[in-house]
């Protein structure tokens, strides 16, 4: 909805932005199993 220009995403600068699928794959490929995923309660 907001795109990468969403002001609240720039409170802390991130070097990379990921889709869920890409980050899920990276975590698995690097030897981690996702136990739980929580969505931000504020909806950001």
ModelCIF file with pLDDT and N, C-alpha, C, O atoms, coordinates in Angstrom:
data_MODEL
#
_entry.id   MODEL 
#
_entity.id                         1 
_entity.type                       polymer 
_entity.pdbx_number_of_molecules   1 
#
_entity_poly.entity_id                      1 
_entity_poly.type                           'polypeptide(L)' 
_entity_poly.nstd_linkage                   no 
_entity_poly.nstd_monomer                   no 
_entity_poly.pdbx_seq_one_letter_code       
;(UNK)(UNK)(UNK)(UNK)(UNK)(UNK)(UNK)(UNK)(UNK)(UNK)(UNK)(UNK)(UNK)(UNK)(UNK)(UNK)
(UNK)(UNK)(UNK)(UNK)(UNK)(UNK)(UNK)(UNK)(UNK)(UNK)(UNK)(UNK)(UNK)(UNK)(UNK)(UNK)
(UNK)(UNK)(UNK)(UNK)(UNK)(UNK)(UNK)(UNK)(UNK)(UNK)(UNK)(UNK)
;
_entity_poly.pdbx_seq_one_letter_code_can   XXXXXXXXXXXXXXXXXXXXXXXXXXXXXXXXXXXXXXXXXXXX 
_entity_poly.pdbx_strand_id                 A 
#
loop_
_entity_poly_seq.entity_id 
_entity_poly_seq.num 
_entity_poly_seq.mon_id 
_entity_poly_seq.hetero 
1 1  UNK n 
1 2  UNK n 
1 3  UNK n 
1 4  UNK n 
1 5  UNK n 
1 6  UNK n 
1 7  UNK n 
1 8  UNK n 
1 9  UNK n 
1 10 UNK n 
1 11 UNK n 
1 12 UNK n 
1 13 UNK n 
1 14 UNK n 
1 15 UNK n 
1 16 UNK n 
1 17 UNK n 
1 18 UNK n 
1 19 UNK n 
1 20 UNK n 
1 21 UNK n 
1 22 UNK n 
1 23 UNK n 
1 24 UNK n 
1 25 UNK n 
1 26 UNK n 
1 27 UNK n 
1 28 UNK n 
1 29 UNK n 
1 30 UNK n 
1 31 UNK n 
1 32 UNK n 
1 33 UNK n 
1 34 UNK n 
1 35 UNK n 
1 36 UNK n 
1 37 UNK n 
1 38 UNK n 
1 39 UNK n 
1 40 UNK n 
1 41 UNK n 
1 42 UNK n 
1 43 UNK n 
1 44 UNK n 
#
_struct_asym.id          A 
_struct_asym.entity_id   1 
#
loop_
_ma_qa_metric.id 
_ma_qa_metric.mode 
_ma_qa_metric.name 
_ma_qa_metric.software_group_id 
_ma_qa_metric.type 
1 global pLDDT . pLDDT 
2 local  pLDDT . pLDDT 
#
_ma_qa_metric_global.metric_id      1 
_ma_qa_metric_global.metric_value   80.91 
_ma_qa_metric_global.model_id       1 
_ma_qa_metric_global.ordinal_id     1 
#
loop_
_ma_qa_metric_local.label_asym_id 
_ma_qa_metric_local.label_comp_id 
_ma_qa_metric_local.label_seq_id 
_ma_qa_metric_local.metric_id 
_ma_qa_metric_local.metric_value 
_ma_qa_metric_local.model_id 
_ma_qa_metric_local.ordinal_id 
A UNK 1  2 76.00 1 1  
A UNK 2  2 74.00 1 2  
A UNK 3  2 70.00 1 3  
A UNK 4  2 66.00 1 4  
A UNK 5  2 68.00 1 5  
A UNK 6  2 67.00 1 6  
A UNK 7  2 65.00 1 7  
A UNK 8  2 62.00 1 8  
A UNK 9  2 62.00 1 9  
A UNK 10 2 63.00 1 10 
A UNK 11 2 61.00 1 11 
A UNK 12 2 63.00 1 12 
A UNK 13 2 66.00 1 13 
A UNK 14 2 68.00 1 14 
A UNK 15 2 71.00 1 15 
A UNK 16 2 78.00 1 16 
A UNK 17 2 78.00 1 17 
A UNK 18 2 85.00 1 18 
A UNK 19 2 87.00 1 19 
A UNK 20 2 90.00 1 20 
A UNK 21 2 93.00 1 21 
A UNK 22 2 93.00 1 22 
A UNK 23 2 93.00 1 23 
A UNK 24 2 94.00 1 24 
A UNK 25 2 96.00 1 25 
A UNK 26 2 96.00 1 26 
A UNK 27 2 96.00 1 27 
A UNK 28 2 95.00 1 28 
A UNK 29 2 96.00 1 29 
A UNK 30 2 96.00 1 30 
A UNK 31 2 95.00 1 31 
A UNK 32 2 96.00 1 32 
A UNK 33 2 95.00 1 33 
A UNK 34 2 95.00 1 34 
A UNK 35 2 95.00 1 35 
A UNK 36 2 94.00 1 36 
A UNK 37 2 92.00 1 37 
A UNK 38 2 90.00 1 38 
A UNK 39 2 83.00 1 39 
A UNK 40 2 77.00 1 40 
A UNK 41 2 73.00 1 41 
A UNK 42 2 70.00 1 42 
A UNK 43 2 68.00 1 43 
A UNK 44 2 69.00 1 44 
#
loop_
_atom_site.group_PDB 
_atom_site.id 
_atom_site.type_symbol 
_atom_site.label_atom_id 
_atom_site.label_alt_id 
_atom_site.label_comp_id 
_atom_site.label_asym_id 
_atom_site.label_entity_id 
_atom_site.label_seq_id 
_atom_site.pdbx_PDB_ins_code 
_atom_site.Cartn_x 
_atom_site.Cartn_y 
_atom_site.Cartn_z 
_atom_site.occupancy 
_atom_site.B_iso_or_equiv 
_atom_site.pdbx_formal_charge 
_atom_site.auth_seq_id 
_atom_site.auth_comp_id 
_atom_site.auth_asym_id 
_atom_site.auth_atom_id 
_atom_site.pdbx_PDB_model_num 
ATOM 1   N N  . UNK A 1 1  ? 0.825  -1.213  0.000  1.00 76.00 ? 1  UNK A N  1 
ATOM 2   C CA . UNK A 1 1  ? 0.000  0.000   0.000  1.00 76.00 ? 1  UNK A CA 1 
ATOM 3   C C  . UNK A 1 1  ? 0.860  1.265   0.000  1.00 76.00 ? 1  UNK A C  1 
ATOM 4   O O  . UNK A 1 1  ? 0.584  2.203   -0.747 1.00 76.00 ? 1  UNK A O  1 
ATOM 5   N N  . UNK A 1 2  ? 1.897  1.290   0.832  1.00 74.00 ? 2  UNK A N  1 
ATOM 6   C CA . UNK A 1 2  ? 2.701  2.503   1.014  1.00 74.00 ? 2  UNK A CA 1 
ATOM 7   C C  . UNK A 1 2  ? 3.959  2.545   0.148  1.00 74.00 ? 2  UNK A C  1 
ATOM 8   O O  . UNK A 1 2  ? 4.490  3.622   -0.123 1.00 74.00 ? 2  UNK A O  1 
ATOM 9   N N  . UNK A 1 3  ? 4.436  1.381   -0.286 1.00 70.00 ? 3  UNK A N  1 
ATOM 10  C CA . UNK A 1 3  ? 5.656  1.332   -1.073 1.00 70.00 ? 3  UNK A CA 1 
ATOM 11  C C  . UNK A 1 3  ? 6.888  1.533   -0.206 1.00 70.00 ? 3  UNK A C  1 
ATOM 12  O O  . UNK A 1 3  ? 6.779  1.727   1.004  1.00 70.00 ? 3  UNK A O  1 
ATOM 13  N N  . UNK A 1 4  ? 8.045  1.486   -0.821 1.00 66.00 ? 4  UNK A N  1 
ATOM 14  C CA . UNK A 1 4  ? 9.294  1.614   -0.077 1.00 66.00 ? 4  UNK A CA 1 
ATOM 15  C C  . UNK A 1 4  ? 9.523  3.012   0.470  1.00 66.00 ? 4  UNK A C  1 
ATOM 16  O O  . UNK A 1 4  ? 10.465 3.226   1.233  1.00 66.00 ? 4  UNK A O  1 
ATOM 17  N N  . UNK A 1 5  ? 8.687  3.959   0.100  1.00 68.00 ? 5  UNK A N  1 
ATOM 18  C CA . UNK A 1 5  ? 8.853  5.317   0.600  1.00 68.00 ? 5  UNK A CA 1 
ATOM 19  C C  . UNK A 1 5  ? 8.074  5.571   1.883  1.00 68.00 ? 5  UNK A C  1 
ATOM 20  O O  . UNK A 1 5  ? 7.985  6.715   2.331  1.00 68.00 ? 5  UNK A O  1 
ATOM 21  N N  . UNK A 1 6  ? 7.507  4.526   2.482  1.00 67.00 ? 6  UNK A N  1 
ATOM 22  C CA . UNK A 1 6  ? 6.761  4.687   3.728  1.00 67.00 ? 6  UNK A CA 1 
ATOM 23  C C  . UNK A 1 6  ? 7.681  5.291   4.788  1.00 67.00 ? 6  UNK A C  1 
ATOM 24  O O  . UNK A 1 6  ? 8.735  4.733   5.093  1.00 67.00 ? 6  UNK A O  1 
ATOM 25  N N  . UNK A 1 7  ? 7.286  6.411   5.334  1.00 65.00 ? 7  UNK A N  1 
ATOM 26  C CA . UNK A 1 7  ? 8.131  7.151   6.279  1.00 65.00 ? 7  UNK A CA 1 
ATOM 27  C C  . UNK A 1 7  ? 8.519  6.315   7.486  1.00 65.00 ? 7  UNK A C  1 
ATOM 28  O O  . UNK A 1 7  ? 9.651  6.411   7.960  1.00 65.00 ? 7  UNK A O  1 
ATOM 29  N N  . UNK A 1 8  ? 7.605  5.495   7.993  1.00 62.00 ? 8  UNK A N  1 
ATOM 30  C CA . UNK A 1 8  ? 7.923  4.716   9.192  1.00 62.00 ? 8  UNK A CA 1 
ATOM 31  C C  . UNK A 1 8  ? 8.977  3.642   8.935  1.00 62.00 ? 8  UNK A C  1 
ATOM 32  O O  . UNK A 1 8  ? 9.567  3.135   9.888  1.00 62.00 ? 8  UNK A O  1 
ATOM 33  N N  . UNK A 1 9  ? 9.227  3.285   7.689  1.00 62.00 ? 9  UNK A N  1 
ATOM 34  C CA . UNK A 1 9  ? 10.272 2.305   7.391  1.00 62.00 ? 9  UNK A CA 1 
ATOM 35  C C  . UNK A 1 9  ? 11.660 2.945   7.430  1.00 62.00 ? 9  UNK A C  1 
ATOM 36  O O  . UNK A 1 9  ? 12.667 2.239   7.389  1.00 62.00 ? 9  UNK A O  1 
ATOM 37  N N  . UNK A 1 10 ? 11.717 4.255   7.508  1.00 63.00 ? 10 UNK A N  1 
ATOM 38  C CA . UNK A 1 10 ? 13.016 4.933   7.493  1.00 63.00 ? 10 UNK A CA 1 
ATOM 39  C C  . UNK A 1 10 ? 13.408 5.500   8.849  1.00 63.00 ? 10 UNK A C  1 
ATOM 40  O O  . UNK A 1 10 ? 14.348 6.289   8.945  1.00 63.00 ? 10 UNK A O  1 
ATOM 41  N N  . UNK A 1 11 ? 12.688 5.099   9.907  1.00 61.00 ? 11 UNK A N  1 
ATOM 42  C CA . UNK A 1 11 ? 13.101 5.496   11.253 1.00 61.00 ? 11 UNK A CA 1 
ATOM 43  C C  . UNK A 1 11 ? 14.497 4.939   11.506 1.00 61.00 ? 11 UNK A C  1 
ATOM 44  O O  . UNK A 1 11 ? 15.359 5.619   12.062 1.00 61.00 ? 11 UNK A O  1 
ATOM 45  N N  . UNK A 1 12 ? 14.705 3.707   11.093 1.00 63.00 ? 12 UNK A N  1 
ATOM 46  C CA . UNK A 1 12 ? 16.023 3.072   11.102 1.00 63.00 ? 12 UNK A CA 1 
ATOM 47  C C  . UNK A 1 12 ? 16.300 2.687   9.658  1.00 63.00 ? 12 UNK A C  1 
ATOM 48  O O  . UNK A 1 12 ? 15.476 2.021   9.032  1.00 63.00 ? 12 UNK A O  1 
ATOM 49  N N  . UNK A 1 13 ? 17.424 3.087   9.127  1.00 66.00 ? 13 UNK A N  1 
ATOM 50  C CA . UNK A 1 13 ? 17.747 2.791   7.737  1.00 66.00 ? 13 UNK A CA 1 
ATOM 51  C C  . UNK A 1 13 ? 18.121 1.319   7.589  1.00 66.00 ? 13 UNK A C  1 
ATOM 52  O O  . UNK A 1 13 ? 18.906 0.790   8.376  1.00 66.00 ? 13 UNK A O  1 
ATOM 53  N N  . UNK A 1 14 ? 17.561 0.667   6.584  1.00 68.00 ? 14 UNK A N  1 
ATOM 54  C CA . UNK A 1 14 ? 17.856 -0.730  6.299  1.00 68.00 ? 14 UNK A CA 1 
ATOM 55  C C  . UNK A 1 14 ? 18.708 -0.800  5.042  1.00 68.00 ? 14 UNK A C  1 
ATOM 56  O O  . UNK A 1 14 ? 18.490 -0.054  4.087  1.00 68.00 ? 14 UNK A O  1 
ATOM 57  N N  . UNK A 1 15 ? 19.686 -1.707  5.054  1.00 71.00 ? 15 UNK A N  1 
ATOM 58  C CA . UNK A 1 15 ? 20.527 -1.886  3.875  1.00 71.00 ? 15 UNK A CA 1 
ATOM 59  C C  . UNK A 1 15 ? 19.808 -2.670  2.783  1.00 71.00 ? 15 UNK A C  1 
ATOM 60  O O  . UNK A 1 15 ? 20.057 -2.473  1.594  1.00 71.00 ? 15 UNK A O  1 
ATOM 61  N N  . UNK A 1 16 ? 18.907 -3.567  3.208  1.00 78.00 ? 16 UNK A N  1 
ATOM 62  C CA . UNK A 1 16 ? 18.178 -4.408  2.266  1.00 78.00 ? 16 UNK A CA 1 
ATOM 63  C C  . UNK A 1 16 ? 16.724 -4.523  2.697  1.00 78.00 ? 16 UNK A C  1 
ATOM 64  O O  . UNK A 1 16 ? 16.408 -4.420  3.882  1.00 78.00 ? 16 UNK A O  1 
ATOM 65  N N  . UNK A 1 17 ? 15.850 -4.737  1.737  1.00 78.00 ? 17 UNK A N  1 
ATOM 66  C CA . UNK A 1 17 ? 14.448 -5.015  2.001  1.00 78.00 ? 17 UNK A CA 1 
ATOM 67  C C  . UNK A 1 17 ? 14.130 -6.351  1.338  1.00 78.00 ? 17 UNK A C  1 
ATOM 68  O O  . UNK A 1 17 ? 14.633 -6.651  0.256  1.00 78.00 ? 17 UNK A O  1 
ATOM 69  N N  . UNK A 1 18 ? 13.294 -7.147  1.993  1.00 85.00 ? 18 UNK A N  1 
ATOM 70  C CA . UNK A 1 18 ? 13.027 -8.502  1.529  1.00 85.00 ? 18 UNK A CA 1 
ATOM 71  C C  . UNK A 1 18 ? 11.541 -8.750  1.388  1.00 85.00 ? 18 UNK A C  1 
ATOM 72  O O  . UNK A 1 18 ? 10.721 -8.117  2.053  1.00 85.00 ? 18 UNK A O  1 
ATOM 73  N N  . UNK A 1 19 ? 11.205 -9.690  0.504  1.00 87.00 ? 19 UNK A N  1 
ATOM 74  C CA . UNK A 1 19 ? 9.859  -10.257 0.513  1.00 87.00 ? 19 UNK A CA 1 
ATOM 75  C C  . UNK A 1 19 ? 9.883  -11.390 1.542  1.00 87.00 ? 19 UNK A C  1 
ATOM 76  O O  . UNK A 1 19 ? 10.952 -11.851 1.942  1.00 87.00 ? 19 UNK A O  1 
ATOM 77  N N  . UNK A 1 20 ? 8.706  -11.830 1.964  1.00 90.00 ? 20 UNK A N  1 
ATOM 78  C CA . UNK A 1 20 ? 8.634  -12.928 2.917  1.00 90.00 ? 20 UNK A CA 1 
ATOM 79  C C  . UNK A 1 20 ? 9.328  -14.169 2.351  1.00 90.00 ? 20 UNK A C  1 
ATOM 80  O O  . UNK A 1 20 ? 10.101 -14.827 3.047  1.00 90.00 ? 20 UNK A O  1 
ATOM 81  N N  . UNK A 1 21 ? 9.048  -14.481 1.089  1.00 93.00 ? 21 UNK A N  1 
ATOM 82  C CA . UNK A 1 21 ? 9.601  -15.685 0.464  1.00 93.00 ? 21 UNK A CA 1 
ATOM 83  C C  . UNK A 1 21 ? 11.131 -15.653 0.420  1.00 93.00 ? 21 UNK A C  1 
ATOM 84  O O  . UNK A 1 21 ? 11.779 -16.653 0.727  1.00 93.00 ? 21 UNK A O  1 
ATOM 85  N N  . UNK A 1 22 ? 11.702 -14.528 0.045  1.00 93.00 ? 22 UNK A N  1 
ATOM 86  C CA . UNK A 1 22 ? 13.158 -14.422 -0.049 1.00 93.00 ? 22 UNK A CA 1 
ATOM 87  C C  . UNK A 1 22 ? 13.791 -14.584 1.326  1.00 93.00 ? 22 UNK A C  1 
ATOM 88  O O  . UNK A 1 22 ? 14.758 -15.332 1.473  1.00 93.00 ? 22 UNK A O  1 
ATOM 89  N N  . UNK A 1 23 ? 13.263 -13.895 2.337  1.00 93.00 ? 23 UNK A N  1 
ATOM 90  C CA . UNK A 1 23 ? 13.851 -14.005 3.665  1.00 93.00 ? 23 UNK A CA 1 
ATOM 91  C C  . UNK A 1 23 ? 13.671 -15.417 4.224  1.00 93.00 ? 23 UNK A C  1 
ATOM 92  O O  . UNK A 1 23 ? 14.577 -15.946 4.868  1.00 93.00 ? 23 UNK A O  1 
ATOM 93  N N  . UNK A 1 24 ? 12.526 -16.023 3.987  1.00 94.00 ? 24 UNK A N  1 
ATOM 94  C CA . UNK A 1 24 ? 12.293 -17.401 4.403  1.00 94.00 ? 24 UNK A CA 1 
ATOM 95  C C  . UNK A 1 24 ? 13.347 -18.330 3.786  1.00 94.00 ? 24 UNK A C  1 
ATOM 96  O O  . UNK A 1 24 ? 13.915 -19.173 4.480  1.00 94.00 ? 24 UNK A O  1 
ATOM 97  N N  . UNK A 1 25 ? 13.604 -18.174 2.493  1.00 96.00 ? 25 UNK A N  1 
ATOM 98  C CA . UNK A 1 25 ? 14.608 -18.996 1.806  1.00 96.00 ? 25 UNK A CA 1 
ATOM 99  C C  . UNK A 1 25 ? 16.010 -18.739 2.349  1.00 96.00 ? 25 UNK A C  1 
ATOM 100 O O  . UNK A 1 25 ? 16.771 -19.682 2.566  1.00 96.00 ? 25 UNK A O  1 
ATOM 101 N N  . UNK A 1 26 ? 16.358 -17.472 2.572  1.00 96.00 ? 26 UNK A N  1 
ATOM 102 C CA . UNK A 1 26 ? 17.680 -17.135 3.117  1.00 96.00 ? 26 UNK A CA 1 
ATOM 103 C C  . UNK A 1 26 ? 17.887 -17.786 4.484  1.00 96.00 ? 26 UNK A C  1 
ATOM 104 O O  . UNK A 1 26 ? 18.945 -18.354 4.756  1.00 96.00 ? 26 UNK A O  1 
ATOM 105 N N  . UNK A 1 27 ? 16.878 -17.697 5.331  1.00 96.00 ? 27 UNK A N  1 
ATOM 106 C CA . UNK A 1 27 ? 17.009 -18.279 6.669  1.00 96.00 ? 27 UNK A CA 1 
ATOM 107 C C  . UNK A 1 27 ? 17.210 -19.785 6.581  1.00 96.00 ? 27 UNK A C  1 
ATOM 108 O O  . UNK A 1 27 ? 18.058 -20.340 7.280  1.00 96.00 ? 27 UNK A O  1 
ATOM 109 N N  . UNK A 1 28 ? 16.444 -20.443 5.738  1.00 95.00 ? 28 UNK A N  1 
ATOM 110 C CA . UNK A 1 28 ? 16.584 -21.895 5.594  1.00 95.00 ? 28 UNK A CA 1 
ATOM 111 C C  . UNK A 1 28 ? 17.954 -22.259 5.012  1.00 95.00 ? 28 UNK A C  1 
ATOM 112 O O  . UNK A 1 28 ? 18.626 -23.159 5.517  1.00 95.00 ? 28 UNK A O  1 
ATOM 113 N N  . UNK A 1 29 ? 18.364 -21.557 3.950  1.00 96.00 ? 29 UNK A N  1 
ATOM 114 C CA . UNK A 1 29 ? 19.652 -21.847 3.305  1.00 96.00 ? 29 UNK A CA 1 
ATOM 115 C C  . UNK A 1 29 ? 20.833 -21.596 4.234  1.00 96.00 ? 29 UNK A C  1 
ATOM 116 O O  . UNK A 1 29 ? 21.891 -22.205 4.071  1.00 96.00 ? 29 UNK A O  1 
ATOM 117 N N  . UNK A 1 30 ? 20.664 -20.715 5.192  1.00 96.00 ? 30 UNK A N  1 
ATOM 118 C CA . UNK A 1 30 ? 21.763 -20.409 6.105  1.00 96.00 ? 30 UNK A CA 1 
ATOM 119 C C  . UNK A 1 30 ? 21.736 -21.286 7.357  1.00 96.00 ? 30 UNK A C  1 
ATOM 120 O O  . UNK A 1 30 ? 22.549 -21.099 8.263  1.00 96.00 ? 30 UNK A O  1 
ATOM 121 N N  . UNK A 1 31 ? 20.799 -22.246 7.409  1.00 95.00 ? 31 UNK A N  1 
ATOM 122 C CA . UNK A 1 31 ? 20.811 -23.210 8.495  1.00 95.00 ? 31 UNK A CA 1 
ATOM 123 C C  . UNK A 1 31 ? 19.895 -22.894 9.657  1.00 95.00 ? 31 UNK A C  1 
ATOM 124 O O  . UNK A 1 31 ? 20.130 -23.359 10.773 1.00 95.00 ? 31 UNK A O  1 
ATOM 125 N N  . UNK A 1 32 ? 18.850 -22.109 9.419  1.00 96.00 ? 32 UNK A N  1 
ATOM 126 C CA . UNK A 1 32 ? 17.891 -21.781 10.465 1.00 96.00 ? 32 UNK A CA 1 
ATOM 127 C C  . UNK A 1 32 ? 16.518 -22.340 10.109 1.00 96.00 ? 32 UNK A C  1 
ATOM 128 O O  . UNK A 1 32 ? 16.127 -22.390 8.943  1.00 96.00 ? 32 UNK A O  1 
ATOM 129 N N  . UNK A 1 33 ? 15.799 -22.757 11.147 1.00 95.00 ? 33 UNK A N  1 
ATOM 130 C CA . UNK A 1 33 ? 14.415 -23.194 11.001 1.00 95.00 ? 33 UNK A CA 1 
ATOM 131 C C  . UNK A 1 33 ? 13.528 -22.141 11.662 1.00 95.00 ? 33 UNK A C  1 
ATOM 132 O O  . UNK A 1 33 ? 13.736 -21.796 12.826 1.00 95.00 ? 33 UNK A O  1 
ATOM 133 N N  . UNK A 1 34 ? 12.553 -21.636 10.936 1.00 95.00 ? 34 UNK A N  1 
ATOM 134 C CA . UNK A 1 34 ? 11.648 -20.641 11.499 1.00 95.00 ? 34 UNK A CA 1 
ATOM 135 C C  . UNK A 1 34 ? 10.676 -21.351 12.440 1.00 95.00 ? 34 UNK A C  1 
ATOM 136 O O  . UNK A 1 34 ? 9.941  -22.253 12.036 1.00 95.00 ? 34 UNK A O  1 
ATOM 137 N N  . UNK A 1 35 ? 10.690 -20.929 13.687 1.00 95.00 ? 35 UNK A N  1 
ATOM 138 C CA . UNK A 1 35 ? 9.826  -21.515 14.708 1.00 95.00 ? 35 UNK A CA 1 
ATOM 139 C C  . UNK A 1 35 ? 8.515  -20.734 14.803 1.00 95.00 ? 35 UNK A C  1 
ATOM 140 O O  . UNK A 1 35 ? 7.441  -21.306 14.988 1.00 95.00 ? 35 UNK A O  1 
ATOM 141 N N  . UNK A 1 36 ? 8.634  -19.415 14.672 1.00 94.00 ? 36 UNK A N  1 
ATOM 142 C CA . UNK A 1 36 ? 7.459  -18.553 14.833 1.00 94.00 ? 36 UNK A CA 1 
ATOM 143 C C  . UNK A 1 36 ? 7.667  -17.273 14.036 1.00 94.00 ? 36 UNK A C  1 
ATOM 144 O O  . UNK A 1 36 ? 8.790  -16.783 13.912 1.00 94.00 ? 36 UNK A O  1 
ATOM 145 N N  . UNK A 1 37 ? 6.583  -16.737 13.499 1.00 92.00 ? 37 UNK A N  1 
ATOM 146 C CA . UNK A 1 37 ? 6.608  -15.445 12.815 1.00 92.00 ? 37 UNK A CA 1 
ATOM 147 C C  . UNK A 1 37 ? 5.498  -14.599 13.419 1.00 92.00 ? 37 UNK A C  1 
ATOM 148 O O  . UNK A 1 37 ? 4.346  -15.027 13.490 1.00 92.00 ? 37 UNK A O  1 
ATOM 149 N N  . UNK A 1 38 ? 5.857  -13.393 13.853 1.00 90.00 ? 38 UNK A N  1 
ATOM 150 C CA . UNK A 1 38 ? 4.868  -12.461 14.397 1.00 90.00 ? 38 UNK A CA 1 
ATOM 151 C C  . UNK A 1 38 ? 4.779  -11.235 13.503 1.00 90.00 ? 38 UNK A C  1 
ATOM 152 O O  . UNK A 1 38 ? 5.793  -10.663 13.104 1.00 90.00 ? 38 UNK A O  1 
ATOM 153 N N  . UNK A 1 39 ? 3.558  -10.844 13.199 1.00 83.00 ? 39 UNK A N  1 
ATOM 154 C CA . UNK A 1 39 ? 3.334  -9.623  12.423 1.00 83.00 ? 39 UNK A CA 1 
ATOM 155 C C  . UNK A 1 39 ? 3.305  -8.438  13.381 1.00 83.00 ? 39 UNK A C  1 
ATOM 156 O O  . UNK A 1 39 ? 2.849  -8.566  14.517 1.00 83.00 ? 39 UNK A O  1 
ATOM 157 N N  . UNK A 1 40 ? 3.783  -7.304  12.934 1.00 77.00 ? 40 UNK A N  1 
ATOM 158 C CA . UNK A 1 40 ? 3.806  -6.118  13.775 1.00 77.00 ? 40 UNK A CA 1 
ATOM 159 C C  . UNK A 1 40 ? 2.383  -5.731  14.162 1.00 77.00 ? 40 UNK A C  1 
ATOM 160 O O  . UNK A 1 40 ? 1.530  -5.567  13.289 1.00 77.00 ? 40 UNK A O  1 
ATOM 161 N N  . UNK A 1 41 ? 2.119  -5.585  15.447 1.00 73.00 ? 41 UNK A N  1 
ATOM 162 C CA . UNK A 1 41 ? 0.755  -5.274  15.885 1.00 73.00 ? 41 UNK A CA 1 
ATOM 163 C C  . UNK A 1 41 ? 0.266  -3.909  15.405 1.00 73.00 ? 41 UNK A C  1 
ATOM 164 O O  . UNK A 1 41 ? -0.940 -3.685  15.307 1.00 73.00 ? 41 UNK A O  1 
ATOM 165 N N  . UNK A 1 42 ? 1.187  -3.000  15.105 1.00 70.00 ? 42 UNK A N  1 
ATOM 166 C CA . UNK A 1 42 ? 0.776  -1.670  14.659 1.00 70.00 ? 42 UNK A CA 1 
ATOM 167 C C  . UNK A 1 42 ? 0.429  -1.642  13.176 1.00 70.00 ? 42 UNK A C  1 
ATOM 168 O O  . UNK A 1 42 ? -0.054 -0.625  12.677 1.00 70.00 ? 42 UNK A O  1 
ATOM 169 N N  . UNK A 1 43 ? 0.670  -2.749  12.457 1.00 68.00 ? 43 UNK A N  1 
ATOM 170 C CA . UNK A 1 43 ? 0.273  -2.846  11.055 1.00 68.00 ? 43 UNK A CA 1 
ATOM 171 C C  . UNK A 1 43 ? 1.205  -2.168  10.079 1.00 68.00 ? 43 UNK A C  1 
ATOM 172 O O  . UNK A 1 43 ? 0.780  -1.771  8.994  1.00 68.00 ? 43 UNK A O  1 
ATOM 173 N N  . UNK A 1 44 ? 2.479  -2.026  10.444 1.00 69.00 ? 44 UNK A N  1 
ATOM 174 C CA . UNK A 1 44 ? 3.424  -1.336  9.560  1.00 69.00 ? 44 UNK A CA 1 
ATOM 175 C C  . UNK A 1 44 ? 4.269  -2.275  8.705  1.00 69.00 ? 44 UNK A C  1 
ATOM 176 O O  . UNK A 1 44 ? 5.100  -1.817  7.922  1.00 69.00 ? 44 UNK A O  1 
#
